[in-house]
């Protein structure tokens, strides 16, 4: 049976300050918890209904609590709880420049919508991108909404929070790694020869890439509308734009 203290702890993890204070986050659902079990992320508490526990016998060594659907509803951050909830330790992920030298990475400049961040992490996972560098104002990867939106991809993609201008200036001075940014004033991405390595910067939902980050870019890229001479949307959703950019990078690499 869950104690009042554990219930209180779980409910507090909706807020970033308590996630940091307790070094814990919450993940829910068969798919996401399944991905965590396969990863090296440590689970502190595993809370599930009887049916889920009967179907999943190979569990990590941790405290397991069997609860009813009603009890799960009391601690879940979802409108419709999904049979299992895990309270996990925040992973320690260190970023080394050598990891970035010969790979493609993403950077997020104040992407604040949890759904967008979660979707971008899924996109990174799909296109084999292992590292995302995020500005401090970008949504927290370990918020319940972001975790849910990743559908487990966060277990394979590393998100590192840094001041982007400082990070880019340092990495360019040490590695000469190109830093691309998506802007409305950039060059048509379909007419550019893209490198196999580099960092792609995606801007915030409302303001795009900040002036400070723009100064550090090697090149600005633009996704043109299909019919440039007809009325069209002002811009693309940041997650949609990320998918298009990543697809073009990988297309060029596969055609070489």
Protein backbone atom coordinates (compact mmCIF):
# COMPACT_ATOMS: atom_id res chain seq x y z
CA UNK A 1 0.00 0.00 0.00
CA UNK A 2 1.24 3.45 -0.89
CA UNK A 3 1.97 5.66 2.10
CA UNK A 4 0.77 9.25 2.28
CA UNK A 5 4.41 10.35 2.12
CA UNK A 6 5.00 8.55 -1.21
CA UNK A 7 1.75 9.89 -2.66
CA UNK A 8 2.75 13.41 -1.62
CA UNK A 9 6.20 12.92 -3.13
CA UNK A 10 4.81 11.72 -6.45
CA UNK A 11 2.33 14.60 -6.73
CA UNK A 12 5.13 17.11 -6.00
CA UNK A 13 7.16 15.85 -8.97
CA UNK A 14 4.91 17.80 -11.31
CA UNK A 15 7.09 20.79 -10.40
CA UNK A 16 10.69 21.16 -11.55
CA UNK A 17 12.02 22.39 -8.21
CA UNK A 18 10.85 19.22 -6.48
CA UNK A 19 12.20 17.01 -9.26
CA UNK A 20 15.62 18.60 -8.72
CA UNK A 21 15.31 18.56 -4.92
CA UNK A 22 14.44 14.85 -4.85
CA UNK A 23 16.45 13.86 -7.94
CA UNK A 24 13.34 12.08 -9.27
CA UNK A 25 10.85 12.19 -12.13
CA UNK A 26 7.64 10.36 -13.06
CA UNK A 27 6.92 8.28 -16.16
CA UNK A 28 3.63 6.59 -17.00
CA UNK A 29 2.25 3.97 -19.34
CA UNK A 30 3.25 0.53 -20.62
CA UNK A 31 5.28 1.85 -23.59
CA UNK A 32 7.26 4.47 -21.69
CA UNK A 33 7.91 2.40 -18.56
CA UNK A 34 8.90 -0.49 -20.83
CA UNK A 35 11.54 1.69 -22.50
CA UNK A 36 12.85 2.75 -19.09
CA UNK A 37 13.12 -0.88 -17.93
CA UNK A 38 15.26 -1.63 -21.01
CA UNK A 39 17.50 1.38 -20.34
CA UNK A 40 20.01 2.11 -17.56
CA UNK A 41 17.65 4.58 -15.85
CA UNK A 42 17.11 3.53 -12.24
CA UNK A 43 13.56 3.08 -10.99
CA UNK A 44 12.92 3.95 -7.35
CA UNK A 45 9.23 2.95 -7.20
CA UNK A 46 7.18 0.92 -9.66
CA UNK A 47 3.44 1.29 -9.13
CA UNK A 48 1.01 -0.78 -11.18
CA UNK A 49 -2.34 -2.51 -11.23
CA UNK A 50 -2.59 -6.28 -10.83
CA UNK A 51 -3.17 -7.03 -14.52
CA UNK A 52 -0.01 -5.20 -15.56
CA UNK A 53 2.08 -6.93 -12.92
CA UNK A 54 0.73 -10.34 -14.00
CA UNK A 55 1.76 -9.63 -17.59
CA UNK A 56 5.20 -8.24 -16.74
CA UNK A 57 7.17 -10.66 -14.58
CA UNK A 58 10.72 -9.55 -15.47
CA UNK A 59 11.02 -6.38 -13.43
CA UNK A 60 14.10 -4.52 -12.19
CA UNK A 61 15.06 -4.73 -8.53
CA UNK A 62 13.04 -1.94 -6.97
CA UNK A 63 10.09 -1.31 -4.67
CA UNK A 64 6.94 -2.54 -6.41
CA UNK A 65 3.48 -1.48 -5.29
CA UNK A 66 0.29 -3.12 -6.49
CA UNK A 67 -2.58 -0.62 -6.60
CA UNK A 68 -6.15 -0.44 -7.81
CA UNK A 69 -7.24 1.65 -10.79
CA UNK A 70 -8.74 4.15 -8.33
CA UNK A 71 -5.50 4.43 -6.37
CA UNK A 72 -3.51 4.90 -9.57
CA UNK A 73 -5.89 7.69 -10.57
CA UNK A 74 -4.99 9.55 -7.37
CA UNK A 75 -1.29 9.80 -8.25
CA UNK A 76 -1.41 9.87 -12.06
CA UNK A 77 -0.78 13.03 -14.07
CA UNK A 78 -2.86 11.60 -16.92
CA UNK A 79 -6.60 12.01 -17.40
CA UNK A 80 -6.75 8.29 -18.09
CA UNK A 81 -4.05 6.37 -16.14
CA UNK A 82 -2.28 3.64 -18.11
CA UNK A 83 -1.89 0.79 -15.60
CA UNK A 84 1.68 1.58 -14.54
CA UNK A 85 3.66 4.49 -13.15
CA UNK A 86 7.38 4.64 -12.41
CA UNK A 87 9.24 7.04 -10.15
CA UNK A 88 12.79 7.21 -11.48
CA UNK A 89 16.12 8.76 -10.58
CA UNK A 90 17.21 11.65 -12.79
CA UNK A 91 19.97 10.30 -15.06
CA UNK A 92 23.41 11.90 -14.99
CA UNK A 93 24.26 12.72 -18.59
CA UNK A 94 27.57 14.40 -19.39
CA UNK A 95 28.27 15.82 -22.83
CA UNK A 96 31.73 15.55 -24.35
CA UNK A 97 32.70 17.50 -27.45
CA UNK A 98 34.16 14.36 -29.02
CA UNK A 99 30.62 12.96 -29.22
CA UNK A 100 29.59 15.88 -31.42
CA UNK A 101 32.56 16.07 -33.80
CA UNK A 102 31.36 13.48 -36.30
CA UNK A 103 27.63 13.47 -35.66
CA UNK A 104 24.50 15.49 -36.22
CA UNK A 105 22.97 17.15 -33.14
CA UNK A 106 20.09 19.50 -32.39
CA UNK A 107 19.95 22.66 -30.30
CA UNK A 108 16.78 24.26 -28.97
CA UNK A 109 16.63 27.99 -28.28
CA UNK A 110 13.85 28.48 -25.71
CA UNK A 111 11.39 25.88 -27.04
CA UNK A 112 8.88 26.11 -24.21
CA UNK A 113 5.92 23.95 -25.19
CA UNK A 114 6.21 20.50 -23.56
CA UNK A 115 4.45 18.83 -26.49
CA UNK A 116 6.88 20.35 -28.98
CA UNK A 117 9.90 19.31 -26.93
CA UNK A 118 8.60 15.78 -26.52
CA UNK A 119 7.90 15.50 -30.25
CA UNK A 120 11.35 16.87 -31.14
CA UNK A 121 12.95 14.23 -28.91
CA UNK A 122 10.97 11.55 -30.77
CA UNK A 123 12.10 13.05 -34.09
CA UNK A 124 15.72 13.03 -32.94
CA UNK A 125 15.38 9.39 -31.97
CA UNK A 126 13.84 8.51 -35.34
CA UNK A 127 16.68 10.14 -37.28
CA UNK A 128 19.45 8.71 -35.11
CA UNK A 129 20.34 11.94 -33.33
CA UNK A 130 21.70 11.19 -29.87
CA UNK A 131 22.27 14.66 -28.39
CA UNK A 132 20.15 17.80 -27.99
CA UNK A 133 21.59 20.96 -26.46
CA UNK A 134 18.84 23.08 -24.93
CA UNK A 135 18.85 26.63 -23.58
CA UNK A 136 18.01 27.01 -19.88
CA UNK A 137 14.57 28.45 -20.77
CA UNK A 138 13.65 25.41 -22.86
CA UNK A 139 11.00 23.17 -21.28
CA UNK A 140 12.30 20.61 -18.79
CA UNK A 141 12.69 17.18 -20.37
CA UNK A 142 11.64 15.51 -17.11
CA UNK A 143 8.28 17.23 -16.72
CA UNK A 144 5.44 14.67 -16.92
CA UNK A 145 4.04 16.29 -20.08
CA UNK A 146 7.36 16.13 -21.92
CA UNK A 147 8.07 12.56 -20.82
CA UNK A 148 4.62 11.52 -22.06
CA UNK A 149 5.11 13.25 -25.41
CA UNK A 150 8.43 11.47 -26.04
CA UNK A 151 6.77 8.04 -25.92
CA UNK A 152 9.95 6.63 -24.40
CA UNK A 153 12.43 8.23 -26.82
CA UNK A 154 13.95 10.26 -23.98
CA UNK A 155 15.60 7.05 -22.77
CA UNK A 156 17.78 7.04 -25.93
CA UNK A 157 18.25 10.76 -26.60
CA UNK A 158 20.37 12.91 -24.28
CA UNK A 159 19.22 16.48 -23.56
CA UNK A 160 21.83 18.83 -22.11
CA UNK A 161 21.01 22.32 -20.81
CA UNK A 162 23.55 25.07 -21.53
CA UNK A 163 23.75 28.74 -22.42
CA UNK A 164 23.74 28.37 -26.20
CA UNK A 165 25.90 31.38 -27.19
CA UNK A 166 28.62 30.32 -24.74
CA UNK A 167 28.35 26.68 -25.77
CA UNK A 168 28.57 27.43 -29.51
CA UNK A 169 31.49 29.83 -29.14
CA UNK A 170 33.41 27.25 -27.15
CA UNK A 171 32.69 24.27 -29.38
CA UNK A 172 33.47 26.20 -32.57
CA UNK A 173 36.79 27.36 -31.17
CA UNK A 174 37.74 23.79 -30.27
CA UNK A 175 36.24 21.76 -33.11
CA UNK A 176 35.19 24.08 -35.99
CA UNK A 177 31.85 22.25 -35.93
CA UNK A 178 29.30 24.04 -38.16
CA UNK A 179 26.22 25.45 -36.44
CA UNK A 180 23.14 25.83 -38.64
CA UNK A 181 20.02 27.76 -37.73
CA UNK A 182 16.54 27.77 -39.24
CA UNK A 183 15.28 31.29 -39.98
CA UNK A 184 12.92 33.05 -42.36
CA UNK A 185 15.93 34.86 -43.86
CA UNK A 186 18.01 31.77 -44.47
CA UNK A 187 19.03 30.04 -47.69
CA UNK A 188 16.81 27.42 -49.30
CA UNK A 189 17.73 24.18 -47.56
CA UNK A 190 17.03 22.12 -50.70
CA UNK A 191 19.73 24.04 -52.59
CA UNK A 192 22.43 23.68 -49.94
CA UNK A 193 25.14 21.07 -49.58
CA UNK A 194 24.78 20.00 -45.97
CA UNK A 195 27.60 18.56 -43.91
CA UNK A 196 27.43 15.12 -42.30
CA UNK A 197 28.14 16.62 -38.91
CA UNK A 198 27.04 19.80 -37.17
CA UNK A 199 24.42 21.29 -34.89
CA UNK A 200 20.99 22.41 -36.09
CA UNK A 201 19.43 25.20 -34.02
CA UNK A 202 15.65 25.45 -33.78
CA UNK A 203 14.14 28.64 -32.36
CA UNK A 204 11.32 29.26 -29.93
CA UNK A 205 7.66 29.04 -30.91
CA UNK A 206 7.05 32.79 -30.78
CA UNK A 207 10.38 34.50 -31.36
CA UNK A 208 12.53 32.12 -33.37
CA UNK A 209 16.27 32.14 -32.77
CA UNK A 210 17.51 34.87 -30.41
CA UNK A 211 19.89 37.61 -31.61
CA UNK A 212 22.68 36.29 -29.39
CA UNK A 213 22.45 32.81 -30.90
CA UNK A 214 22.12 34.17 -34.47
CA UNK A 215 25.58 35.73 -34.12
CA UNK A 216 27.12 32.30 -33.55
CA UNK A 217 25.58 30.56 -36.59
CA UNK A 218 27.71 29.28 -39.43
CA UNK A 219 24.78 29.38 -41.85
CA UNK A 220 21.06 30.17 -41.78
CA UNK A 221 18.67 27.76 -43.52
CA UNK A 222 15.09 28.22 -44.70
CA UNK A 223 12.32 25.74 -45.55
CA UNK A 224 10.49 27.32 -48.51
CA UNK A 225 6.73 26.88 -48.95
CA UNK A 226 5.66 24.69 -51.85
CA UNK A 227 3.94 27.60 -53.65
CA UNK A 228 5.96 30.71 -52.86
CA UNK A 229 3.71 32.92 -54.99
CA UNK A 230 0.51 32.02 -53.11
CA UNK A 231 -0.72 32.96 -49.62
CA UNK A 232 0.51 30.47 -47.03
CA UNK A 233 1.09 30.07 -43.32
CA UNK A 234 3.49 32.55 -41.75
CA UNK A 235 5.72 29.81 -40.36
CA UNK A 236 5.91 26.13 -39.48
CA UNK A 237 5.47 24.58 -36.07
CA UNK A 238 8.95 24.08 -34.58
CA UNK A 239 8.56 20.31 -34.26
CA UNK A 240 7.33 20.02 -37.86
CA UNK A 241 10.24 22.15 -39.08
CA UNK A 242 12.67 19.96 -37.12
CA UNK A 243 11.36 16.84 -38.84
CA UNK A 244 11.74 18.40 -42.30
CA UNK A 245 15.26 19.63 -41.59
CA UNK A 246 16.40 16.28 -40.17
CA UNK A 247 14.87 14.40 -43.09
CA UNK A 248 16.75 16.56 -45.61
CA UNK A 249 20.05 16.07 -43.77
CA UNK A 250 19.62 12.32 -43.73
CA UNK A 251 18.42 12.24 -47.35
CA UNK A 252 21.58 13.97 -48.52
CA UNK A 253 23.74 11.63 -46.47
CA UNK A 254 22.07 8.52 -47.85
CA UNK A 255 22.41 9.71 -51.46
CA UNK A 256 26.17 10.23 -51.25
